[in-house]
Amino acid sequence: MLGRVNHIAIAVPDLAAATASYRDTLGAKVSQAQPLPEHGVTVVFVELGNTKVELLEPLGESSPIATFLEKNPAGGMHHICYEVEDIIAARDQLSDSGARVLGSGEPKIGAHGKPVLFLHPKDFFGTLIELEQV
């Protein structure tokens, strides 16, 4: 079911500072900031040869990232995104296995313009999992 790691997401309290650190200190290629109001975040992607790192900053007070940063003020790893070929088939197989899909269970369009779903971290050893259809 799982394909490659699409990205690892890191919640940050200051997106501009985090972007500058990855670009200027680590020498990474970074994208422009992209607001995603439907997900309550602004994102920047750090491009790597084999995957990406997604830097997440809250967009509004009701952002799930704002809640995460209240508990982790310095930021930290938020989720891992895996690619799947058929997100509906993956959702159904996971649900049948007892895994909990967050939200309505219907995919939303993610930062890459592709359908995504999130899986409850308690079902995956404390790690929030995002699935993205490729």
C-alpha atoms as a PDB file:
ATOM      1  CA  MET A   1       0.000   0.000   0.000  1.00  0.00           C
ATOM      2  CA  LEU A   2       2.635   2.564   1.025  1.00  0.00           C
ATOM      3  CA  GLY A   3       4.885   4.126  -1.549  1.00  0.00           C
ATOM      4  CA  ARG A   4       7.803   6.397  -0.858  1.00  0.00           C
ATOM      5  CA  VAL A   5       8.016   9.064   1.826  1.00  0.00           C
ATOM      6  CA  ASN A   6       6.666  12.206   0.202  1.00  0.00           C
ATOM      7  CA  HIS A   7       7.675  14.573   2.998  1.00  0.00           C
ATOM      8  CA  ILE A   8       8.316  14.989   6.689  1.00  0.00           C
ATOM      9  CA  ALA A   9       6.488  17.951   8.199  1.00  0.00           C
ATOM     10  CA  ILE A  10       7.934  20.175  10.891  1.00  0.00           C
ATOM     11  CA  ALA A  11       5.770  22.697  12.746  1.00  0.00           C
ATOM     12  CA  VAL A  12       7.623  25.975  13.280  1.00  0.00           C
ATOM     13  CA  PRO A  13       6.729  29.095  15.260  1.00  0.00           C
ATOM     14  CA  ASP A  14       8.381  31.412  12.690  1.00  0.00           C
ATOM     15  CA  LEU A  15       8.225  30.291   9.065  1.00  0.00           C
ATOM     16  CA  ALA A  16      10.496  33.060   7.758  1.00  0.00           C
ATOM     17  CA  ALA A  17      13.217  32.194  10.283  1.00  0.00           C
ATOM     18  CA  ALA A  18      12.924  28.456   9.607  1.00  0.00           C
ATOM     19  CA  THR A  19      13.031  29.019   5.840  1.00  0.00           C
ATOM     20  CA  ALA A  20      16.109  31.209   6.178  1.00  0.00           C
ATOM     21  CA  SER A  21      17.820  28.605   8.364  1.00  0.00           C
ATOM     22  CA  TYR A  22      17.249  25.804   5.852  1.00  0.00           C
ATOM     23  CA  ARG A  23      18.201  28.032   2.901  1.00  0.00           C
ATOM     24  CA  ASP A  24      21.094  30.040   4.332  1.00  0.00           C
ATOM     25  CA  THR A  25      22.592  27.749   6.976  1.00  0.00           C
ATOM     26  CA  LEU A  26      21.929  24.340   5.423  1.00  0.00           C
ATOM     27  CA  GLY A  27      22.137  25.467   1.783  1.00  0.00           C
ATOM     28  CA  ALA A  28      18.810  23.886   0.825  1.00  0.00           C
ATOM     29  CA  LYS A  29      16.524  24.884  -2.026  1.00  0.00           C
ATOM     30  CA  VAL A  30      13.232  26.153  -0.569  1.00  0.00           C
ATOM     31  CA  SER A  31       9.890  26.995  -2.156  1.00  0.00           C
ATOM     32  CA  GLN A  32       7.909  30.173  -1.779  1.00  0.00           C
ATOM     33  CA  ALA A  33       5.535  30.275   1.186  1.00  0.00           C
ATOM     34  CA  GLN A  34       2.110  28.907   0.253  1.00  0.00           C
ATOM     35  CA  PRO A  35      -0.952  29.698   2.400  1.00  0.00           C
ATOM     36  CA  LEU A  36      -3.424  26.819   2.638  1.00  0.00           C
ATOM     37  CA  PRO A  37      -6.477  28.304   4.397  1.00  0.00           C
ATOM     38  CA  GLU A  38      -8.474  25.069   4.095  1.00  0.00           C
ATOM     39  CA  HIS A  39      -5.816  23.349   6.239  1.00  0.00           C
ATOM     40  CA  GLY A  40      -5.078  26.348   8.507  1.00  0.00           C
ATOM     41  CA  VAL A  41      -1.379  26.499   7.606  1.00  0.00           C
ATOM     42  CA  THR A  42       1.214  28.268   5.540  1.00  0.00           C
ATOM     43  CA  VAL A  43       3.832  25.893   4.121  1.00  0.00           C
ATOM     44  CA  VAL A  44       7.310  26.024   2.642  1.00  0.00           C
ATOM     45  CA  PHE A  45       8.853  22.943   1.052  1.00  0.00           C
ATOM     46  CA  VAL A  46      12.549  22.205   1.438  1.00  0.00           C
ATOM     47  CA  GLU A  47      13.554  20.289  -1.690  1.00  0.00           C
ATOM     48  CA  LEU A  48      15.876  17.329  -1.159  1.00  0.00           C
ATOM     49  CA  GLY A  49      17.158  14.781  -3.628  1.00  0.00           C
ATOM     50  CA  ASN A  50      15.008  11.943  -2.348  1.00  0.00           C
ATOM     51  CA  THR A  51      12.108  13.680  -0.547  1.00  0.00           C
ATOM     52  CA  LYS A  52      10.980  16.997   0.938  1.00  0.00           C
ATOM     53  CA  VAL A  53      10.705  18.613   4.342  1.00  0.00           C
ATOM     54  CA  GLU A  54       7.528  20.637   4.826  1.00  0.00           C
ATOM     55  CA  LEU A  55       7.773  23.595   7.199  1.00  0.00           C
ATOM     56  CA  LEU A  56       4.353  24.432   8.692  1.00  0.00           C
ATOM     57  CA  GLU A  57       3.290  27.666  10.342  1.00  0.00           C
ATOM     58  CA  PRO A  58      -0.206  28.289  11.755  1.00  0.00           C
ATOM     59  CA  LEU A  59      -2.554  30.322   9.601  1.00  0.00           C
ATOM     60  CA  GLY A  60      -5.045  31.710  12.098  1.00  0.00           C
ATOM     61  CA  GLU A  61      -5.765  30.919  15.726  1.00  0.00           C
ATOM     62  CA  SER A  62      -7.895  27.849  14.952  1.00  0.00           C
ATOM     63  CA  SER A  63      -5.035  26.146  13.085  1.00  0.00           C
ATOM     64  CA  PRO A  64      -4.175  22.643  14.300  1.00  0.00           C
ATOM     65  CA  ILE A  65      -0.547  23.770  14.102  1.00  0.00           C
ATOM     66  CA  ALA A  66      -1.260  26.543  16.644  1.00  0.00           C
ATOM     67  CA  THR A  67      -2.464  23.874  19.072  1.00  0.00           C
ATOM     68  CA  PHE A  68       0.641  21.773  18.364  1.00  0.00           C
ATOM     69  CA  LEU A  69       2.920  24.783  19.001  1.00  0.00           C
ATOM     70  CA  GLU A  70       1.167  25.542  22.310  1.00  0.00           C
ATOM     71  CA  LYS A  71       2.424  22.145  23.494  1.00  0.00           C
ATOM     72  CA  ASN A  72       5.759  22.419  21.629  1.00  0.00           C
ATOM     73  CA  PRO A  73       6.672  26.131  21.548  1.00  0.00           C
ATOM     74  CA  ALA A  74      10.012  25.570  19.798  1.00  0.00           C
ATOM     75  CA  GLY A  75       8.310  23.483  17.088  1.00  0.00           C
ATOM     76  CA  GLY A  76       8.988  19.897  16.126  1.00  0.00           C
ATOM     77  CA  MET A  77       8.086  17.025  13.850  1.00  0.00           C
ATOM     78  CA  HIS A  78       4.371  17.112  13.095  1.00  0.00           C
ATOM     79  CA  HIS A  79       3.724  14.269  10.619  1.00  0.00           C
ATOM     80  CA  ILE A  80       5.108  11.941   7.972  1.00  0.00           C
ATOM     81  CA  CYS A  81       3.476  11.835   4.539  1.00  0.00           C
ATOM     82  CA  TYR A  82       3.507   8.593   2.546  1.00  0.00           C
ATOM     83  CA  GLU A  83       2.455   8.228  -1.066  1.00  0.00           C
ATOM     84  CA  VAL A  84      -0.323   5.835  -2.071  1.00  0.00           C
ATOM     85  CA  GLU A  85      -1.583   5.011  -5.540  1.00  0.00           C
ATOM     86  CA  ASP A  86      -5.289   4.942  -4.658  1.00  0.00           C
ATOM     87  CA  ILE A  87      -6.249   6.960  -1.606  1.00  0.00           C
ATOM     88  CA  ILE A  88      -9.829   5.630  -1.459  1.00  0.00           C
ATOM     89  CA  ALA A  89      -8.656   1.997  -1.580  1.00  0.00           C
ATOM     90  CA  ALA A  90      -6.007   2.795   1.076  1.00  0.00           C
ATOM     91  CA  ARG A  91      -8.630   4.502   3.280  1.00  0.00           C
ATOM     92  CA  ASP A  92     -11.014   1.600   2.989  1.00  0.00           C
ATOM     93  CA  GLN A  93      -8.329  -1.000   3.713  1.00  0.00           C
ATOM     94  CA  LEU A  94      -7.083   0.961   6.722  1.00  0.00           C
ATOM     95  CA  SER A  95     -10.612   1.521   8.077  1.00  0.00           C
ATOM     96  CA  ASP A  96     -11.370  -2.188   7.679  1.00  0.00           C
ATOM     97  CA  SER A  97      -8.196  -2.878   9.704  1.00  0.00           C
ATOM     98  CA  GLY A  98      -9.364  -0.592  12.511  1.00  0.00           C
ATOM     99  CA  ALA A  99      -7.225   2.473  11.755  1.00  0.00           C
ATOM    100  CA  ARG A 100      -8.965   5.804  12.312  1.00  0.00           C
ATOM    101  CA  VAL A 101      -9.078   8.341   9.498  1.00  0.00           C
ATOM    102  CA  LEU A 102      -9.303  11.894  10.829  1.00  0.00           C
ATOM    103  CA  GLY A 103     -11.995  14.349   9.797  1.00  0.00           C
ATOM    104  CA  SER A 104     -14.885  13.250   7.625  1.00  0.00           C
ATOM    105  CA  GLY A 105     -12.884  10.449   6.031  1.00  0.00           C
ATOM    106  CA  GLU A 106     -13.135  12.139   2.656  1.00  0.00           C
ATOM    107  CA  PRO A 107      -9.860  13.278   1.069  1.00  0.00           C
ATOM    108  CA  LYS A 108      -9.045  16.985   0.904  1.00  0.00           C
ATOM    109  CA  ILE A 109      -6.743  18.591  -1.626  1.00  0.00           C
ATOM    110  CA  GLY A 110      -3.285  19.090  -0.129  1.00  0.00           C
ATOM    111  CA  ALA A 111      -0.391  21.443  -0.826  1.00  0.00           C
ATOM    112  CA  HIS A 112       0.634  19.544  -3.966  1.00  0.00           C
ATOM    113  CA  GLY A 113      -2.875  19.727  -5.442  1.00  0.00           C
ATOM    114  CA  LYS A 114      -3.472  16.025  -4.759  1.00  0.00           C
ATOM    115  CA  PRO A 115      -5.926  14.233  -2.437  1.00  0.00           C
ATOM    116  CA  VAL A 116      -4.737  13.679   1.140  1.00  0.00           C
ATOM    117  CA  LEU A 117      -6.000  12.007   4.311  1.00  0.00           C
ATOM    118  CA  PHE A 118      -4.653  11.928   7.856  1.00  0.00           C
ATOM    119  CA  LEU A 119      -4.566   8.896  10.156  1.00  0.00           C
ATOM    120  CA  HIS A 120      -4.904   9.100  13.931  1.00  0.00           C
ATOM    121  CA  PRO A 121      -1.495   9.150  15.664  1.00  0.00           C
ATOM    122  CA  LYS A 122      -2.669   6.808  18.431  1.00  0.00           C
ATOM    123  CA  ASP A 123      -3.049   4.083  15.808  1.00  0.00           C
ATOM    124  CA  PHE A 124       0.546   4.543  14.586  1.00  0.00           C
ATOM    125  CA  PHE A 125       2.716   4.731  17.709  1.00  0.00           C
ATOM    126  CA  GLY A 126       2.229   8.439  18.339  1.00  0.00           C
ATOM    127  CA  THR A 127       2.945   9.566  14.778  1.00  0.00           C
ATOM    128  CA  LEU A 128       0.407  11.480  12.702  1.00  0.00           C
ATOM    129  CA  ILE A 129       0.375   9.928   9.218  1.00  0.00           C
ATOM    130  CA  GLU A 130      -0.643  11.743   6.058  1.00  0.00           C
ATOM    131  CA  LEU A 131      -1.436   9.771   2.908  1.00  0.00           C
ATOM    132  CA  GLU A 132      -1.149  11.505  -0.464  1.00  0.00           C
ATOM    133  CA  GLN A 133      -2.391  10.025  -3.712  1.00  0.00           C
ATOM    134  CA  VAL A 134       0.231  10.111  -6.456  1.00  0.00           C
END
